[in-house]
């Protein structure tokens, strides 16, 4: 299965002096923006759509979709996460990321923050741990299921990053920045604005289980 995700918005490097709450909020905001794209992928990809529509029934229990059974395994503080790539279905993936940001070409590597910004993004691609969810988050206000790409970032078999210049002026970058709940002033800086185009290619592992009959 191959598809692309797009993330336009602020992307901050994880700093040691940054509060844990600020990191949690920033990663979760990115996670929310990717949810709708992943929800659409589950709708249009036949094997995934089958998981959304095929029902299971335990004795005396109401019919439930198979994706709900998956999400029950990834409940974090009342939020039901449904990862597309997980060991449950014997899947891993590779990523090819086009990383566009303001600044001179190649300088993103020289600044030394590329690794930290990508780490932030990988956190947002994954089902969070309990201690990575923002405080005071209301599960009732979150999607159910909440679609994310990875059960864990250890399922990334390989990745490649191509860094290039985002051709937006400072004013255009400020206009493009969406409102954020993060209190980190850096999230409102035009220099934090990025556009990521992520090509995802899933691969089957030797732990393939329930989807053996499905063509992914």
N, C-alpha and C. Protein backbone atom coordinates (compact mmCIF):
# COMPACT_ATOMS: atom_id res chain seq x y z
N UNK A 1 0.84 -1.17 0.00
CA UNK A 1 0.00 0.00 0.00
C UNK A 1 0.89 1.24 0.00
N UNK A 2 0.61 2.17 -0.88
CA UNK A 2 1.37 3.41 -0.96
C UNK A 2 0.41 4.59 -0.96
N UNK A 3 0.73 5.61 -0.21
CA UNK A 3 -0.07 6.82 -0.18
C UNK A 3 0.78 7.96 0.38
N UNK A 4 0.23 9.19 0.31
CA UNK A 4 0.96 10.36 0.79
C UNK A 4 0.15 11.13 1.82
N UNK A 5 0.85 11.65 2.81
CA UNK A 5 0.28 12.56 3.80
C UNK A 5 0.93 13.92 3.62
N UNK A 6 0.19 14.96 3.95
CA UNK A 6 0.71 16.33 3.85
C UNK A 6 0.53 17.02 5.20
N UNK A 7 1.59 17.66 5.65
CA UNK A 7 1.48 18.45 6.88
C UNK A 7 2.03 19.86 6.63
N UNK A 8 1.15 20.87 6.53
CA UNK A 8 1.60 22.26 6.51
C UNK A 8 1.30 22.90 7.87
N UNK A 9 2.31 23.46 8.48
CA UNK A 9 2.10 24.10 9.78
C UNK A 9 3.39 24.21 10.55
N UNK A 10 3.29 24.63 11.80
CA UNK A 10 4.50 24.77 12.62
C UNK A 10 5.07 23.41 12.99
N UNK A 11 6.38 23.31 13.02
CA UNK A 11 7.05 22.11 13.49
C UNK A 11 8.25 22.54 14.31
N UNK A 12 8.19 22.27 15.59
CA UNK A 12 9.22 22.73 16.52
C UNK A 12 10.16 21.60 16.91
N UNK A 13 11.41 21.97 17.13
CA UNK A 13 12.37 21.01 17.66
C UNK A 13 12.08 20.79 19.13
N UNK A 14 12.28 19.58 19.58
CA UNK A 14 12.10 19.28 21.00
C UNK A 14 13.30 19.81 21.77
N UNK A 15 13.04 20.69 22.72
CA UNK A 15 14.10 21.31 23.50
C UNK A 15 14.08 20.78 24.93
N UNK A 16 15.25 20.66 25.53
CA UNK A 16 15.32 20.14 26.90
C UNK A 16 14.61 21.04 27.90
N UNK A 17 14.65 22.35 27.64
CA UNK A 17 14.03 23.27 28.59
C UNK A 17 12.56 23.53 28.28
N UNK A 18 12.04 22.88 27.25
CA UNK A 18 10.63 23.03 26.89
C UNK A 18 9.80 22.23 27.88
N UNK A 19 8.66 22.77 28.29
CA UNK A 19 7.80 22.05 29.22
C UNK A 19 7.21 20.83 28.55
N UNK A 20 6.99 19.80 29.36
CA UNK A 20 6.41 18.57 28.82
C UNK A 20 5.02 18.85 28.24
N UNK A 21 4.25 19.72 28.90
CA UNK A 21 2.92 20.02 28.42
C UNK A 21 2.96 20.66 27.04
N UNK A 22 3.91 21.57 26.81
CA UNK A 22 4.03 22.23 25.51
C UNK A 22 4.36 21.21 24.42
N UNK A 23 5.25 20.25 24.72
CA UNK A 23 5.59 19.21 23.75
C UNK A 23 4.38 18.34 23.44
N UNK A 24 3.63 17.99 24.49
CA UNK A 24 2.45 17.15 24.30
C UNK A 24 1.41 17.85 23.42
N UNK A 25 1.16 19.13 23.70
CA UNK A 25 0.16 19.88 22.94
C UNK A 25 0.57 19.98 21.47
N UNK A 26 1.84 20.30 21.23
CA UNK A 26 2.32 20.48 19.86
C UNK A 26 2.20 19.19 19.06
N UNK A 27 2.64 18.08 19.64
CA UNK A 27 2.57 16.79 18.94
C UNK A 27 1.12 16.39 18.70
N UNK A 28 0.25 16.66 19.67
CA UNK A 28 -1.14 16.24 19.51
C UNK A 28 -1.86 17.09 18.47
N UNK A 29 -1.49 18.34 18.35
CA UNK A 29 -2.09 19.18 17.29
C UNK A 29 -1.73 18.63 15.90
N UNK A 30 -0.49 18.21 15.74
CA UNK A 30 -0.07 17.60 14.46
C UNK A 30 -0.85 16.30 14.25
N UNK A 31 -0.98 15.51 15.31
CA UNK A 31 -1.70 14.23 15.23
C UNK A 31 -3.15 14.47 14.77
N UNK A 32 -3.78 15.51 15.28
CA UNK A 32 -5.16 15.81 14.89
C UNK A 32 -5.25 16.17 13.41
N UNK A 33 -4.27 16.93 12.91
CA UNK A 33 -4.30 17.34 11.50
C UNK A 33 -4.13 16.15 10.56
N UNK A 34 -3.39 15.15 10.99
CA UNK A 34 -3.17 13.97 10.16
C UNK A 34 -4.33 12.98 10.24
N UNK A 35 -5.10 13.06 11.32
CA UNK A 35 -6.21 12.13 11.53
C UNK A 35 -7.17 12.12 10.34
N UNK A 36 -7.58 13.30 9.86
CA UNK A 36 -8.59 13.35 8.80
C UNK A 36 -8.07 12.74 7.50
N UNK A 37 -6.76 12.90 7.21
CA UNK A 37 -6.19 12.30 6.02
C UNK A 37 -6.16 10.77 6.15
N UNK A 38 -5.80 10.30 7.32
CA UNK A 38 -5.75 8.86 7.55
C UNK A 38 -7.16 8.27 7.56
N UNK A 39 -8.12 9.02 8.08
CA UNK A 39 -9.51 8.55 8.04
C UNK A 39 -9.97 8.37 6.59
N UNK A 40 -9.57 9.30 5.72
CA UNK A 40 -9.92 9.19 4.30
C UNK A 40 -9.23 7.98 3.67
N UNK A 41 -7.98 7.72 4.05
CA UNK A 41 -7.28 6.54 3.53
C UNK A 41 -7.99 5.26 3.93
N UNK A 42 -8.48 5.20 5.16
CA UNK A 42 -9.25 4.04 5.60
C UNK A 42 -10.55 3.91 4.80
N UNK A 43 -11.08 5.03 4.33
CA UNK A 43 -12.33 4.98 3.57
C UNK A 43 -12.11 4.51 2.13
N UNK A 44 -11.02 4.97 1.50
CA UNK A 44 -10.85 4.71 0.06
C UNK A 44 -10.04 3.46 -0.23
N UNK A 45 -9.26 2.97 0.73
CA UNK A 45 -8.46 1.77 0.49
C UNK A 45 -9.31 0.53 0.81
N UNK A 46 -9.53 -0.34 -0.17
CA UNK A 46 -10.50 -1.42 0.01
C UNK A 46 -10.26 -2.30 1.24
N UNK A 47 -9.03 -2.74 1.46
CA UNK A 47 -8.77 -3.64 2.58
C UNK A 47 -9.02 -2.93 3.91
N UNK A 48 -8.66 -1.65 4.00
CA UNK A 48 -8.90 -0.91 5.23
C UNK A 48 -10.39 -0.64 5.40
N UNK A 49 -11.07 -0.31 4.31
CA UNK A 49 -12.50 -0.06 4.39
C UNK A 49 -13.25 -1.31 4.85
N UNK A 50 -12.73 -2.46 4.44
CA UNK A 50 -13.32 -3.72 4.92
C UNK A 50 -13.26 -3.81 6.43
N UNK A 51 -12.16 -3.36 7.02
CA UNK A 51 -12.03 -3.38 8.48
C UNK A 51 -13.02 -2.43 9.14
N UNK A 52 -13.39 -1.37 8.42
CA UNK A 52 -14.35 -0.41 8.98
C UNK A 52 -15.78 -0.92 8.87
N UNK A 53 -16.04 -1.77 7.89
CA UNK A 53 -17.42 -2.19 7.64
C UNK A 53 -17.71 -3.62 8.07
N UNK A 54 -16.71 -4.50 8.03
CA UNK A 54 -16.94 -5.88 8.45
C UNK A 54 -17.14 -5.93 9.96
N UNK A 55 -18.14 -6.62 10.39
CA UNK A 55 -18.47 -6.63 11.81
C UNK A 55 -18.06 -7.94 12.46
N UNK A 56 -17.88 -7.86 13.76
CA UNK A 56 -17.61 -9.04 14.57
C UNK A 56 -18.66 -9.05 15.68
N UNK A 57 -18.89 -10.20 16.24
CA UNK A 57 -19.89 -10.29 17.30
C UNK A 57 -19.50 -11.36 18.29
N UNK A 58 -19.29 -10.94 19.53
CA UNK A 58 -19.09 -11.90 20.59
C UNK A 58 -20.45 -12.36 21.09
N UNK A 59 -20.46 -13.44 21.82
CA UNK A 59 -21.72 -13.97 22.31
C UNK A 59 -22.44 -12.92 23.16
N UNK A 60 -23.63 -12.59 22.75
CA UNK A 60 -24.44 -11.64 23.51
C UNK A 60 -24.04 -10.20 23.37
N UNK A 61 -22.98 -9.92 22.57
CA UNK A 61 -22.51 -8.55 22.42
C UNK A 61 -23.02 -7.98 21.09
N UNK A 62 -23.20 -6.66 21.01
CA UNK A 62 -23.66 -6.06 19.75
C UNK A 62 -22.58 -6.14 18.69
N UNK A 63 -23.01 -6.00 17.43
CA UNK A 63 -22.06 -6.01 16.32
C UNK A 63 -21.14 -4.81 16.42
N UNK A 64 -19.86 -5.04 16.15
CA UNK A 64 -18.86 -3.97 16.17
C UNK A 64 -17.95 -4.15 14.96
N UNK A 65 -17.44 -3.02 14.43
CA UNK A 65 -16.50 -3.09 13.31
C UNK A 65 -15.15 -3.59 13.80
N UNK A 66 -14.41 -4.21 12.91
CA UNK A 66 -13.10 -4.74 13.28
C UNK A 66 -12.13 -3.62 13.66
N UNK A 67 -12.30 -2.44 13.07
CA UNK A 67 -11.41 -1.33 13.45
C UNK A 67 -11.64 -0.93 14.90
N UNK A 68 -12.87 -1.12 15.41
CA UNK A 68 -13.13 -0.82 16.82
C UNK A 68 -12.41 -1.80 17.72
N UNK A 69 -12.33 -3.05 17.28
CA UNK A 69 -11.57 -4.06 18.04
C UNK A 69 -10.10 -3.67 18.09
N UNK A 70 -9.58 -3.19 16.96
CA UNK A 70 -8.19 -2.73 16.93
C UNK A 70 -7.99 -1.56 17.88
N UNK A 71 -8.90 -0.57 17.83
CA UNK A 71 -8.77 0.63 18.66
C UNK A 71 -8.87 0.30 20.14
N UNK A 72 -9.57 -0.77 20.49
CA UNK A 72 -9.66 -1.17 21.90
C UNK A 72 -8.32 -1.57 22.47
N UNK A 73 -7.38 -1.93 21.60
CA UNK A 73 -6.04 -2.32 22.06
C UNK A 73 -5.15 -1.11 22.30
N UNK A 74 -5.59 0.05 21.85
CA UNK A 74 -4.74 1.25 21.94
C UNK A 74 -5.51 2.40 22.59
N UNK A 75 -6.07 2.12 23.75
CA UNK A 75 -6.78 3.16 24.50
C UNK A 75 -5.78 3.89 25.38
N UNK A 76 -5.73 5.19 25.23
CA UNK A 76 -4.84 6.03 26.02
C UNK A 76 -5.67 7.14 26.67
N UNK A 77 -5.82 7.04 27.98
CA UNK A 77 -6.59 8.03 28.74
C UNK A 77 -7.96 8.28 28.13
N UNK A 78 -8.63 7.19 27.76
CA UNK A 78 -9.99 7.26 27.27
C UNK A 78 -10.11 7.50 25.78
N UNK A 79 -9.00 7.71 25.07
CA UNK A 79 -9.03 7.94 23.62
C UNK A 79 -8.70 6.63 22.91
N UNK A 80 -9.51 6.24 21.93
CA UNK A 80 -9.32 5.00 21.20
C UNK A 80 -8.55 5.29 19.90
N UNK A 81 -7.29 4.91 19.86
CA UNK A 81 -6.45 5.14 18.69
C UNK A 81 -6.47 3.91 17.77
N UNK A 82 -6.52 4.18 16.47
CA UNK A 82 -6.51 3.10 15.47
C UNK A 82 -5.32 3.31 14.54
N UNK A 83 -4.21 2.63 14.80
CA UNK A 83 -3.03 2.78 13.93
C UNK A 83 -3.17 1.98 12.65
N UNK A 84 -2.80 2.59 11.54
CA UNK A 84 -2.83 1.89 10.26
C UNK A 84 -1.73 0.85 10.18
N UNK A 85 -0.55 1.19 10.69
CA UNK A 85 0.60 0.29 10.67
C UNK A 85 0.81 -0.26 12.08
N UNK A 86 0.65 -1.56 12.23
CA UNK A 86 0.80 -2.16 13.55
C UNK A 86 1.22 -3.62 13.41
N UNK A 87 1.74 -4.18 14.47
CA UNK A 87 2.10 -5.59 14.48
C UNK A 87 0.85 -6.47 14.49
N UNK A 88 -0.29 -5.88 14.87
CA UNK A 88 -1.53 -6.66 14.89
C UNK A 88 -1.82 -7.24 13.52
N UNK A 89 -1.48 -6.48 12.47
CA UNK A 89 -1.70 -6.94 11.11
C UNK A 89 -0.40 -7.20 10.38
N UNK A 90 0.69 -7.36 11.13
CA UNK A 90 1.96 -7.73 10.53
C UNK A 90 2.48 -6.71 9.55
N UNK A 91 2.38 -5.43 9.90
CA UNK A 91 2.79 -4.38 8.98
C UNK A 91 3.86 -3.47 9.58
N UNK A 92 4.74 -3.01 8.71
CA UNK A 92 5.71 -1.97 9.02
C UNK A 92 5.68 -1.01 7.84
N UNK A 93 6.51 0.02 7.85
CA UNK A 93 6.47 0.94 6.71
C UNK A 93 7.79 1.68 6.55
N UNK A 94 7.99 2.19 5.35
CA UNK A 94 9.09 3.08 5.05
C UNK A 94 8.53 4.46 4.71
N UNK A 95 9.30 5.51 4.99
CA UNK A 95 8.86 6.88 4.78
C UNK A 95 9.85 7.64 3.91
N UNK A 96 9.34 8.40 2.97
CA UNK A 96 10.15 9.29 2.15
C UNK A 96 9.57 10.69 2.35
N UNK A 97 10.32 11.57 3.00
CA UNK A 97 9.79 12.86 3.44
C UNK A 97 10.44 14.01 2.67
N UNK A 98 9.63 14.80 2.02
CA UNK A 98 10.08 16.07 1.45
C UNK A 98 9.84 17.14 2.50
N UNK A 99 10.91 17.72 3.00
CA UNK A 99 10.88 18.65 4.14
C UNK A 99 11.14 20.07 3.60
N UNK A 100 10.07 20.83 3.43
CA UNK A 100 10.20 22.21 2.94
C UNK A 100 10.10 23.17 4.11
N UNK A 101 11.06 24.10 4.21
CA UNK A 101 11.07 25.09 5.28
C UNK A 101 11.74 26.35 4.79
N UNK A 102 11.42 27.47 5.43
CA UNK A 102 12.04 28.73 5.07
C UNK A 102 13.52 28.70 5.42
N UNK A 103 14.32 29.37 4.61
CA UNK A 103 15.76 29.39 4.85
C UNK A 103 16.50 28.91 3.63
N UNK A 104 17.80 29.05 3.67
CA UNK A 104 18.61 28.66 2.53
C UNK A 104 18.64 27.15 2.38
N UNK A 105 18.76 26.72 1.14
CA UNK A 105 18.77 25.30 0.86
C UNK A 105 19.91 24.60 1.60
N UNK A 106 19.57 23.54 2.29
CA UNK A 106 20.58 22.76 3.00
C UNK A 106 20.87 23.24 4.40
N UNK A 107 20.50 24.50 4.71
CA UNK A 107 20.81 25.04 6.03
C UNK A 107 20.08 24.32 7.16
N UNK A 108 18.99 23.63 6.82
CA UNK A 108 18.26 22.93 7.87
C UNK A 108 19.14 21.88 8.53
N UNK A 109 20.08 21.30 7.78
CA UNK A 109 20.99 20.32 8.36
C UNK A 109 22.07 21.02 9.18
N UNK A 110 22.55 22.16 8.69
CA UNK A 110 23.61 22.87 9.39
C UNK A 110 23.14 23.45 10.72
N UNK A 111 21.84 23.76 10.84
CA UNK A 111 21.36 24.34 12.08
C UNK A 111 21.30 23.31 13.20
N UNK A 112 21.32 22.04 12.85
CA UNK A 112 21.36 21.01 13.88
C UNK A 112 20.03 20.66 14.49
N UNK A 113 18.92 21.25 14.00
CA UNK A 113 17.63 20.96 14.61
C UNK A 113 16.80 19.98 13.80
N UNK A 114 17.31 19.50 12.67
CA UNK A 114 16.53 18.60 11.82
C UNK A 114 16.14 17.33 12.57
N UNK A 115 17.11 16.71 13.25
CA UNK A 115 16.82 15.48 13.98
C UNK A 115 15.72 15.69 15.00
N UNK A 116 15.79 16.80 15.74
CA UNK A 116 14.80 17.05 16.78
C UNK A 116 13.42 17.35 16.19
N UNK A 117 13.37 18.04 15.07
CA UNK A 117 12.08 18.34 14.45
C UNK A 117 11.46 17.06 13.88
N UNK A 118 12.27 16.22 13.28
CA UNK A 118 11.76 14.96 12.76
C UNK A 118 11.30 14.06 13.91
N UNK A 119 12.03 14.08 15.03
CA UNK A 119 11.62 13.29 16.20
C UNK A 119 10.25 13.76 16.68
N UNK A 120 10.03 15.07 16.71
CA UNK A 120 8.71 15.59 17.08
C UNK A 120 7.64 15.05 16.15
N UNK A 121 7.95 15.04 14.85
CA UNK A 121 6.97 14.59 13.87
C UNK A 121 6.71 13.09 13.99
N UNK A 122 7.75 12.30 14.23
CA UNK A 122 7.57 10.86 14.40
C UNK A 122 6.70 10.58 15.63
N UNK A 123 6.88 11.37 16.69
CA UNK A 123 6.02 11.22 17.87
C UNK A 123 4.57 11.45 17.49
N UNK A 124 4.33 12.45 16.63
CA UNK A 124 2.96 12.78 16.22
C UNK A 124 2.36 11.73 15.29
N UNK A 125 3.20 10.98 14.60
CA UNK A 125 2.70 9.93 13.71
C UNK A 125 2.25 8.70 14.48
N UNK A 126 2.66 8.60 15.73
CA UNK A 126 2.48 7.37 16.49
C UNK A 126 1.39 7.49 17.55
N UNK A 127 0.86 6.33 17.94
CA UNK A 127 -0.03 6.28 19.09
C UNK A 127 0.76 6.76 20.30
N UNK A 128 0.26 7.78 21.01
CA UNK A 128 1.05 8.30 22.14
C UNK A 128 0.97 7.38 23.35
N UNK A 129 1.97 7.47 24.20
CA UNK A 129 1.89 6.83 25.50
C UNK A 129 1.03 7.70 26.42
N UNK A 130 0.60 7.14 27.53
CA UNK A 130 -0.25 7.89 28.46
C UNK A 130 0.38 9.24 28.83
N UNK A 131 1.69 9.22 29.10
CA UNK A 131 2.35 10.44 29.56
C UNK A 131 2.69 11.41 28.43
N UNK A 132 2.29 11.08 27.18
CA UNK A 132 2.52 11.98 26.05
C UNK A 132 1.24 12.71 25.62
N UNK A 133 0.15 12.45 26.32
CA UNK A 133 -1.12 13.10 26.00
C UNK A 133 -1.24 14.38 26.83
N UNK A 134 -1.68 15.48 26.22
CA UNK A 134 -1.79 16.74 26.97
C UNK A 134 -2.69 16.61 28.19
N UNK A 135 -2.36 17.34 29.24
CA UNK A 135 -3.19 17.37 30.43
C UNK A 135 -4.55 17.98 30.09
N UNK A 136 -5.55 17.55 30.84
CA UNK A 136 -6.90 18.12 30.73
C UNK A 136 -7.54 17.91 29.36
N UNK A 137 -7.06 16.93 28.61
CA UNK A 137 -7.68 16.63 27.32
C UNK A 137 -9.00 15.90 27.57
N UNK A 138 -10.06 16.32 26.89
CA UNK A 138 -11.38 15.71 27.05
C UNK A 138 -11.54 14.62 25.99
N UNK A 139 -11.55 13.34 26.38
CA UNK A 139 -11.68 12.26 25.39
C UNK A 139 -12.95 12.39 24.54
N UNK A 140 -13.99 12.97 25.12
CA UNK A 140 -15.23 13.12 24.39
C UNK A 140 -15.14 14.09 23.23
N UNK A 141 -14.12 14.94 23.22
CA UNK A 141 -13.93 15.90 22.14
C UNK A 141 -12.98 15.39 21.06
N UNK A 142 -12.44 14.19 21.26
CA UNK A 142 -11.50 13.62 20.30
C UNK A 142 -12.22 12.64 19.37
N UNK A 143 -11.69 12.43 18.15
CA UNK A 143 -12.32 11.47 17.23
C UNK A 143 -12.34 10.08 17.83
N UNK A 144 -13.33 9.29 17.43
CA UNK A 144 -13.43 7.91 17.89
C UNK A 144 -13.90 7.02 16.72
N UNK A 145 -12.99 6.20 16.16
CA UNK A 145 -11.59 6.07 16.58
C UNK A 145 -10.74 7.23 16.08
N UNK A 146 -9.61 7.41 16.74
CA UNK A 146 -8.63 8.44 16.37
C UNK A 146 -7.58 7.74 15.50
N UNK A 147 -7.58 8.06 14.20
CA UNK A 147 -6.67 7.39 13.28
C UNK A 147 -5.28 8.00 13.34
N UNK A 148 -4.28 7.14 13.42
CA UNK A 148 -2.89 7.59 13.35
C UNK A 148 -2.13 6.59 12.48
N UNK A 149 -0.92 6.95 12.10
CA UNK A 149 -0.19 6.10 11.16
C UNK A 149 0.41 4.88 11.83
N UNK A 150 1.05 5.06 12.97
CA UNK A 150 1.88 4.01 13.56
C UNK A 150 1.43 3.63 14.96
N UNK A 151 1.48 2.35 15.25
CA UNK A 151 1.31 1.92 16.63
C UNK A 151 2.53 2.34 17.46
N UNK A 152 3.68 2.35 16.81
CA UNK A 152 4.94 2.71 17.47
C UNK A 152 5.94 3.07 16.39
N UNK A 153 6.81 4.06 16.67
CA UNK A 153 7.75 4.48 15.61
C UNK A 153 8.83 3.44 15.35
N UNK A 154 8.90 2.38 16.15
CA UNK A 154 9.84 1.29 15.86
C UNK A 154 9.41 0.51 14.61
N UNK A 155 8.19 0.75 14.13
CA UNK A 155 7.69 0.07 12.94
C UNK A 155 8.14 0.77 11.66
N UNK A 156 8.91 1.85 11.78
CA UNK A 156 9.49 2.49 10.61
C UNK A 156 10.75 1.71 10.23
N UNK A 157 10.72 1.05 9.09
CA UNK A 157 11.86 0.23 8.69
C UNK A 157 13.00 1.07 8.13
N UNK A 158 12.66 2.17 7.48
CA UNK A 158 13.67 3.07 6.92
C UNK A 158 12.98 4.39 6.57
N UNK A 159 13.78 5.46 6.49
CA UNK A 159 13.22 6.72 6.03
C UNK A 159 14.29 7.54 5.33
N UNK A 160 13.82 8.40 4.44
CA UNK A 160 14.71 9.30 3.71
C UNK A 160 14.11 10.70 3.78
N UNK A 161 14.98 11.69 3.98
CA UNK A 161 14.53 13.08 4.08
C UNK A 161 15.22 13.91 3.01
N UNK A 162 14.44 14.63 2.24
CA UNK A 162 14.95 15.60 1.28
C UNK A 162 14.55 16.98 1.77
N UNK A 163 15.55 17.80 2.12
CA UNK A 163 15.28 19.14 2.63
C UNK A 163 15.42 20.17 1.51
N UNK A 164 14.46 21.07 1.44
CA UNK A 164 14.51 22.12 0.43
C UNK A 164 13.84 23.37 0.98
N UNK A 165 13.90 24.42 0.18
CA UNK A 165 13.41 25.71 0.63
C UNK A 165 11.92 25.87 0.40
N UNK A 166 11.21 26.37 1.40
CA UNK A 166 9.81 26.71 1.28
C UNK A 166 9.72 28.15 0.77
N UNK A 167 9.19 28.31 -0.42
CA UNK A 167 9.22 29.61 -1.08
C UNK A 167 8.02 30.47 -0.68
N UNK A 168 7.94 30.75 0.61
CA UNK A 168 6.95 31.68 1.15
C UNK A 168 7.68 32.83 1.81
N UNK A 169 7.17 34.03 1.63
CA UNK A 169 7.74 35.17 2.34
C UNK A 169 7.38 35.05 3.82
N UNK A 170 8.00 35.89 4.64
CA UNK A 170 7.70 35.86 6.07
C UNK A 170 6.22 36.12 6.31
N UNK A 171 5.64 37.10 5.60
CA UNK A 171 4.23 37.41 5.78
C UNK A 171 3.34 36.27 5.32
N UNK A 172 3.70 35.64 4.20
CA UNK A 172 2.92 34.50 3.71
C UNK A 172 2.98 33.33 4.68
N UNK A 173 4.16 33.13 5.28
CA UNK A 173 4.30 32.04 6.25
C UNK A 173 3.45 32.32 7.48
N UNK A 174 3.43 33.58 7.93
CA UNK A 174 2.60 33.94 9.09
C UNK A 174 1.12 33.73 8.78
N UNK A 175 0.72 34.09 7.56
CA UNK A 175 -0.68 33.92 7.16
C UNK A 175 -1.05 32.44 7.09
N UNK A 176 -0.10 31.64 6.63
CA UNK A 176 -0.37 30.20 6.48
C UNK A 176 -0.40 29.46 7.80
N UNK A 177 0.24 30.02 8.83
CA UNK A 177 0.26 29.36 10.13
C UNK A 177 -1.15 29.35 10.72
N UNK A 178 -1.61 28.18 11.09
CA UNK A 178 -2.93 28.07 11.69
C UNK A 178 -2.83 28.35 13.18
N UNK A 179 -3.96 28.65 13.79
CA UNK A 179 -3.97 28.87 15.24
C UNK A 179 -3.54 27.61 15.95
N UNK A 180 -2.78 27.77 16.97
CA UNK A 180 -2.30 26.63 17.75
C UNK A 180 -2.62 26.85 19.22
N UNK A 181 -2.88 25.76 19.93
CA UNK A 181 -3.12 25.85 21.37
C UNK A 181 -1.82 25.90 22.14
N UNK A 182 -0.71 25.68 21.45
CA UNK A 182 0.58 25.69 22.12
C UNK A 182 0.92 27.09 22.60
N UNK A 183 1.43 27.18 23.81
CA UNK A 183 1.83 28.47 24.37
C UNK A 183 3.26 28.83 24.00
N UNK A 184 3.91 27.94 23.28
CA UNK A 184 5.27 28.19 22.82
C UNK A 184 5.23 29.25 21.72
N UNK A 185 5.89 30.38 21.96
CA UNK A 185 5.87 31.46 20.98
C UNK A 185 6.50 31.04 19.66
N UNK A 186 7.38 30.04 19.71
CA UNK A 186 8.02 29.57 18.48
C UNK A 186 7.03 28.99 17.49
N UNK A 187 5.89 28.49 18.00
CA UNK A 187 4.89 27.90 17.12
C UNK A 187 4.22 28.95 16.24
N UNK A 188 4.35 30.24 16.59
CA UNK A 188 3.76 31.30 15.80
C UNK A 188 4.80 32.03 14.97
N UNK A 189 6.03 31.53 14.97
CA UNK A 189 7.10 32.16 14.21
C UNK A 189 7.08 31.67 12.77
N UNK A 190 7.31 32.57 11.80
CA UNK A 190 7.34 32.12 10.40
C UNK A 190 8.45 31.11 10.15
N UNK A 191 9.51 31.14 10.97
CA UNK A 191 10.60 30.19 10.79
C UNK A 191 10.20 28.77 11.20
N UNK A 192 9.12 28.65 11.97
CA UNK A 192 8.67 27.32 12.37
C UNK A 192 7.79 26.67 11.30
N UNK A 193 7.37 27.47 10.31
CA UNK A 193 6.46 26.97 9.28
C UNK A 193 7.16 25.98 8.36
N UNK A 194 6.55 24.81 8.18
CA UNK A 194 7.09 23.81 7.26
C UNK A 194 5.94 23.27 6.41
N UNK A 195 6.31 22.62 5.33
CA UNK A 195 5.36 21.83 4.57
C UNK A 195 6.03 20.48 4.34
N UNK A 196 5.47 19.45 4.92
CA UNK A 196 6.01 18.10 4.79
C UNK A 196 5.11 17.29 3.87
N UNK A 197 5.71 16.63 2.91
CA UNK A 197 5.00 15.68 2.06
C UNK A 197 5.60 14.32 2.34
N UNK A 198 4.79 13.45 2.91
CA UNK A 198 5.28 12.17 3.41
C UNK A 198 4.74 11.04 2.54
N UNK A 199 5.62 10.37 1.83
CA UNK A 199 5.24 9.19 1.06
C UNK A 199 5.40 7.96 1.95
N UNK A 200 4.30 7.23 2.11
CA UNK A 200 4.28 6.06 2.98
C UNK A 200 4.17 4.81 2.12
N UNK A 201 5.01 3.84 2.40
CA UNK A 201 4.90 2.54 1.74
C UNK A 201 4.92 1.45 2.80
N UNK A 202 3.82 0.73 2.89
CA UNK A 202 3.74 -0.32 3.90
C UNK A 202 4.38 -1.60 3.38
N UNK A 203 4.90 -2.38 4.31
CA UNK A 203 5.49 -3.68 3.98
C UNK A 203 4.95 -4.71 4.96
N UNK A 204 4.82 -5.93 4.49
CA UNK A 204 4.38 -7.02 5.35
C UNK A 204 5.57 -7.60 6.09
N UNK A 205 5.34 -7.97 7.34
CA UNK A 205 6.38 -8.63 8.12
C UNK A 205 6.03 -10.10 8.25
N UNK A 206 6.88 -10.85 8.94
CA UNK A 206 6.61 -12.29 9.10
C UNK A 206 5.58 -12.54 10.18
N UNK A 207 4.99 -11.43 10.72
CA UNK A 207 3.96 -11.61 11.75
C UNK A 207 2.57 -11.31 11.19
N UNK A 208 2.43 -11.41 9.86
CA UNK A 208 1.14 -11.11 9.23
C UNK A 208 0.05 -12.03 9.81
N UNK A 209 -1.07 -11.41 10.21
CA UNK A 209 -2.13 -12.18 10.86
C UNK A 209 -3.45 -12.04 10.10
N UNK A 210 -4.32 -11.21 10.61
CA UNK A 210 -5.70 -11.20 10.17
C UNK A 210 -5.91 -10.72 8.74
N UNK A 211 -4.94 -9.99 8.16
CA UNK A 211 -5.13 -9.46 6.83
C UNK A 211 -4.44 -10.29 5.76
N UNK A 212 -4.14 -11.56 6.06
CA UNK A 212 -3.42 -12.39 5.10
C UNK A 212 -4.17 -12.51 3.79
N UNK A 213 -5.50 -12.43 3.86
CA UNK A 213 -6.28 -12.58 2.65
C UNK A 213 -6.52 -11.24 1.93
N UNK A 214 -6.05 -10.14 2.51
CA UNK A 214 -6.33 -8.83 1.94
C UNK A 214 -5.14 -8.33 1.13
N UNK A 215 -5.41 -7.70 0.03
CA UNK A 215 -4.36 -7.16 -0.82
C UNK A 215 -4.07 -5.72 -0.42
N UNK A 216 -3.04 -5.52 0.39
CA UNK A 216 -2.64 -4.17 0.82
C UNK A 216 -1.54 -3.66 -0.08
